[in-house]
């Protein structure tokens, strides 16, 4: 009787190599149990990414480039309406957006990051908290991006297949711990009132945005 014997020097490495092959992934994707395995692996990967991202957001010394790198490839964290991250960051001459996103309807969304360490976001004005210049500057920059995208809509649609008509922007600015004399609720309220008077730009602190994302499914469904 013939006996087929296979010697495997490193079973764990061999298993990783096998299941990472396109053929094996295709087979798993067609099997119900295989789909469960793939979903579990993806959830584990996203959970690890979320833990690292939270540590960075809670650290007010995290720089814009570092946060930008961490968010690259994590378009799902922005909610179910976002389906992918665009490859091109420089669509308009002179403008390079931090994170370019594509929504399910094909529209474009710009994410602008502002992480000035220690920067205060609001000031008191006639008994109320209002955004400081840093916030207005960030909003102005986002608006300039949108104007450029609007004006270049036909070219961008033809060259990249990206529809930038009525594109929107999300500005993630600062961190409330940079201004301990103002409560996080007051910070959020001042930015929320400011945003309510804007049309296509939303302004949040990175912590406020993250708090809203905590209820987000790992599969990118709206929280």
Protein backbone atom coordinates (compact mmCIF):
# COMPACT_ATOMS: atom_id res chain seq x y z
CA UNK A 1 0.00 0.00 0.00
CA UNK A 2 1.32 3.37 -0.99
CA UNK A 3 1.47 6.06 1.67
CA UNK A 4 1.74 9.69 0.64
CA UNK A 5 3.75 11.57 3.22
CA UNK A 6 4.34 15.30 3.18
CA UNK A 7 7.05 16.89 5.27
CA UNK A 8 6.24 20.41 6.46
CA UNK A 9 9.03 22.18 8.29
CA UNK A 10 6.92 25.16 9.39
CA UNK A 11 3.19 24.32 9.50
CA UNK A 12 2.14 27.80 10.65
CA UNK A 13 4.02 29.54 7.85
CA UNK A 14 2.73 27.05 5.30
CA UNK A 15 -0.83 27.63 6.46
CA UNK A 16 -0.44 31.40 6.17
CA UNK A 17 1.04 31.04 2.69
CA UNK A 18 -1.76 28.76 1.52
CA UNK A 19 -4.68 30.82 2.80
CA UNK A 20 -3.16 34.05 1.48
CA UNK A 21 -3.03 32.77 -2.08
CA UNK A 22 -5.67 34.18 -4.49
CA UNK A 23 -6.88 30.66 -5.29
CA UNK A 24 -7.45 29.77 -1.64
CA UNK A 25 -9.18 33.09 -0.95
CA UNK A 26 -11.46 32.52 -3.94
CA UNK A 27 -12.44 29.08 -2.62
CA UNK A 28 -13.08 30.45 0.88
CA UNK A 29 -15.20 33.29 -0.53
CA UNK A 30 -17.48 30.79 -2.27
CA UNK A 31 -18.03 28.72 0.87
CA UNK A 32 -20.38 29.79 3.64
CA UNK A 33 -18.00 28.73 6.41
CA UNK A 34 -15.13 30.25 4.45
CA UNK A 35 -16.95 33.58 4.32
CA UNK A 36 -17.30 33.45 8.10
CA UNK A 37 -13.55 32.88 8.42
CA UNK A 38 -12.79 35.80 6.11
CA UNK A 39 -15.18 38.08 7.99
CA UNK A 40 -13.62 37.10 11.31
CA UNK A 41 -10.13 37.80 9.97
CA UNK A 42 -11.23 41.18 8.63
CA UNK A 43 -12.89 42.09 11.94
CA UNK A 44 -9.70 41.19 13.80
CA UNK A 45 -7.65 43.35 11.43
CA UNK A 46 -10.02 46.28 11.78
CA UNK A 47 -10.15 45.97 15.56
CA UNK A 48 -6.36 46.20 15.74
CA UNK A 49 -6.43 49.25 13.43
CA UNK A 50 -9.08 50.90 15.59
CA UNK A 51 -7.05 50.39 18.75
CA UNK A 52 -3.99 51.99 17.18
CA UNK A 53 -6.05 54.84 15.78
CA UNK A 54 -7.69 55.57 19.12
CA UNK A 55 -4.31 55.79 20.84
CA UNK A 56 -3.16 58.30 18.24
CA UNK A 57 -6.33 60.41 18.46
CA UNK A 58 -6.22 60.51 22.26
CA UNK A 59 -2.60 61.70 22.10
CA UNK A 60 -2.69 65.43 21.31
CA UNK A 61 0.97 65.30 20.22
CA UNK A 62 0.09 63.13 17.22
CA UNK A 63 1.04 65.01 14.07
CA UNK A 64 -1.09 65.50 10.97
CA UNK A 65 1.16 63.34 8.73
CA UNK A 66 1.13 60.50 11.27
CA UNK A 67 -2.65 60.58 11.58
CA UNK A 68 -3.01 60.83 7.82
CA UNK A 69 -0.85 57.73 7.35
CA UNK A 70 -2.84 55.84 9.96
CA UNK A 71 -6.16 56.67 8.27
CA UNK A 72 -4.95 55.72 4.80
CA UNK A 73 -6.84 52.62 3.74
CA UNK A 74 -9.38 52.98 6.56
CA UNK A 75 -12.15 54.57 4.53
CA UNK A 76 -14.68 52.33 6.31
CA UNK A 77 -14.18 54.33 9.51
CA UNK A 78 -15.98 57.26 7.88
CA UNK A 79 -19.27 55.35 7.67
CA UNK A 80 -21.29 53.23 5.31
CA UNK A 81 -21.87 56.07 2.83
CA UNK A 82 -18.15 55.98 1.99
CA UNK A 83 -17.16 53.05 -0.24
CA UNK A 84 -13.51 53.73 -1.03
CA UNK A 85 -10.56 56.07 -0.79
CA UNK A 86 -9.59 57.79 -4.01
CA UNK A 87 -6.07 57.19 -5.28
CA UNK A 88 -5.47 60.76 -6.39
CA UNK A 89 -4.85 63.37 -3.70
CA UNK A 90 -3.77 66.13 -6.09
CA UNK A 91 -6.72 66.66 -8.41
CA UNK A 92 -6.46 70.42 -8.75
CA UNK A 93 -3.11 72.17 -9.38
CA UNK A 94 -1.78 73.59 -6.12
CA UNK A 95 -4.17 71.60 -3.91
CA UNK A 96 -3.36 68.28 -2.23
CA UNK A 97 -6.13 66.96 0.01
CA UNK A 98 -5.30 64.92 3.10
CA UNK A 99 -7.78 62.08 2.58
CA UNK A 100 -9.92 61.85 -0.59
CA UNK A 101 -13.03 59.67 -0.21
CA UNK A 102 -15.65 58.33 -2.62
CA UNK A 103 -19.25 57.98 -1.45
CA UNK A 104 -21.70 55.34 -2.59
CA UNK A 105 -23.40 57.74 -4.99
CA UNK A 106 -20.06 58.46 -6.66
CA UNK A 107 -19.62 61.89 -5.07
CA UNK A 108 -16.32 63.11 -3.64
CA UNK A 109 -15.54 63.98 -0.03
CA UNK A 110 -12.46 65.75 1.27
CA UNK A 111 -11.12 65.08 4.77
CA UNK A 112 -8.90 67.88 6.06
CA UNK A 113 -6.78 67.17 9.15
CA UNK A 114 -5.57 69.91 11.50
CA UNK A 115 -3.56 68.70 14.48
CA UNK A 116 -1.73 71.74 15.87
CA UNK A 117 -0.46 70.57 19.26
CA UNK A 118 -1.81 72.75 22.05
CA UNK A 119 -3.95 74.88 19.71
CA UNK A 120 -7.06 76.31 21.35
CA UNK A 121 -10.20 75.93 19.26
CA UNK A 122 -12.66 78.39 20.81
CA UNK A 123 -12.71 81.77 22.52
CA UNK A 124 -15.31 83.59 24.59
CA UNK A 125 -17.25 86.28 22.79
CA UNK A 126 -20.13 88.13 24.44
CA UNK A 127 -20.86 85.31 26.82
CA UNK A 128 -20.61 82.50 24.25
CA UNK A 129 -17.88 80.27 22.93
CA UNK A 130 -17.04 80.82 19.26
CA UNK A 131 -14.40 79.20 17.00
CA UNK A 132 -10.95 80.75 16.88
CA UNK A 133 -8.99 81.68 13.78
CA UNK A 134 -7.49 78.18 13.48
CA UNK A 135 -10.96 76.75 12.88
CA UNK A 136 -11.92 79.46 10.38
CA UNK A 137 -8.64 78.96 8.51
CA UNK A 138 -9.24 75.20 8.29
CA UNK A 139 -12.78 75.76 7.02
CA UNK A 140 -11.52 78.32 4.51
CA UNK A 141 -8.96 75.83 3.22
CA UNK A 142 -11.64 73.15 2.83
CA UNK A 143 -13.89 75.61 0.98
CA UNK A 144 -11.04 76.47 -1.39
CA UNK A 145 -10.65 72.77 -2.14
CA UNK A 146 -14.35 72.51 -2.93
CA UNK A 147 -14.27 75.56 -5.21
CA UNK A 148 -11.35 74.08 -7.14
CA UNK A 149 -13.12 70.73 -7.45
CA UNK A 150 -16.30 72.41 -8.69
CA UNK A 151 -14.43 74.40 -11.31
CA UNK A 152 -12.55 71.32 -12.55
CA UNK A 153 -15.52 68.97 -12.48
CA UNK A 154 -15.66 68.10 -16.19
CA UNK A 155 -11.93 67.42 -16.45
CA UNK A 156 -11.85 65.31 -13.28
CA UNK A 157 -14.83 63.28 -14.39
CA UNK A 158 -13.19 62.58 -17.75
CA UNK A 159 -9.67 61.89 -16.45
CA UNK A 160 -10.38 60.04 -13.21
CA UNK A 161 -14.05 59.11 -13.34
CA UNK A 162 -14.60 61.05 -10.11
CA UNK A 163 -17.67 63.27 -9.83
CA UNK A 164 -16.72 66.34 -7.81
CA UNK A 165 -19.93 68.31 -8.39
CA UNK A 166 -21.25 69.33 -4.98
CA UNK A 167 -18.38 67.57 -3.22
CA UNK A 168 -18.35 67.84 0.57
CA UNK A 169 -15.64 68.26 3.20
CA UNK A 170 -15.01 67.03 6.73
CA UNK A 171 -12.57 69.04 8.85
CA UNK A 172 -11.05 67.23 11.83
CA UNK A 173 -9.41 69.94 13.88
CA UNK A 174 -7.50 69.90 17.14
CA UNK A 175 -8.28 68.11 20.37
CA UNK A 176 -10.42 69.39 23.27
CA UNK A 177 -7.76 68.52 25.88
CA UNK A 178 -5.68 71.36 24.47
CA UNK A 179 -8.09 73.76 26.18
CA UNK A 180 -8.93 72.24 29.60
CA UNK A 181 -10.64 75.43 30.80
CA UNK A 182 -13.42 74.76 28.29
CA UNK A 183 -15.50 71.61 28.66
CA UNK A 184 -15.66 69.16 25.79
CA UNK A 185 -19.42 69.75 25.61
CA UNK A 186 -18.87 73.50 25.14
CA UNK A 187 -16.20 72.84 22.50
CA UNK A 188 -18.50 70.52 20.58
CA UNK A 189 -21.46 72.89 20.86
CA UNK A 190 -19.47 75.83 19.49
CA UNK A 191 -18.30 73.79 16.50
CA UNK A 192 -21.78 72.33 15.95
CA UNK A 193 -23.35 75.80 15.87
CA UNK A 194 -20.63 76.95 13.50
CA UNK A 195 -21.16 73.95 11.21
CA UNK A 196 -24.93 74.49 11.13
CA UNK A 197 -24.30 77.75 9.25
CA UNK A 198 -22.12 76.05 6.66
CA UNK A 199 -23.41 74.16 3.66
CA UNK A 200 -20.93 71.56 2.48
CA UNK A 201 -18.35 71.54 5.29
CA UNK A 202 -18.62 69.73 8.63
CA UNK A 203 -16.23 70.58 11.48
CA UNK A 204 -15.41 68.21 14.33
CA UNK A 205 -12.56 67.76 16.78
CA UNK A 206 -10.72 64.51 16.18
CA UNK A 207 -11.90 63.29 19.59
CA UNK A 208 -15.52 64.27 18.91
CA UNK A 209 -15.39 62.49 15.56
CA UNK A 210 -13.88 59.41 17.18
CA UNK A 211 -16.54 59.34 19.89
CA UNK A 212 -19.20 59.32 17.18
CA UNK A 213 -17.36 56.51 15.38
CA UNK A 214 -17.24 54.28 18.49
CA UNK A 215 -20.73 53.08 17.71
CA UNK A 216 -19.76 52.30 14.13
CA UNK A 217 -19.94 48.69 13.01
CA UNK A 218 -16.61 47.20 11.99
CA UNK A 219 -18.25 46.65 8.64
CA UNK A 220 -18.63 50.35 7.97
CA UNK A 221 -22.36 50.61 8.55
CA UNK A 222 -23.67 53.96 9.75
CA UNK A 223 -23.43 54.38 13.51
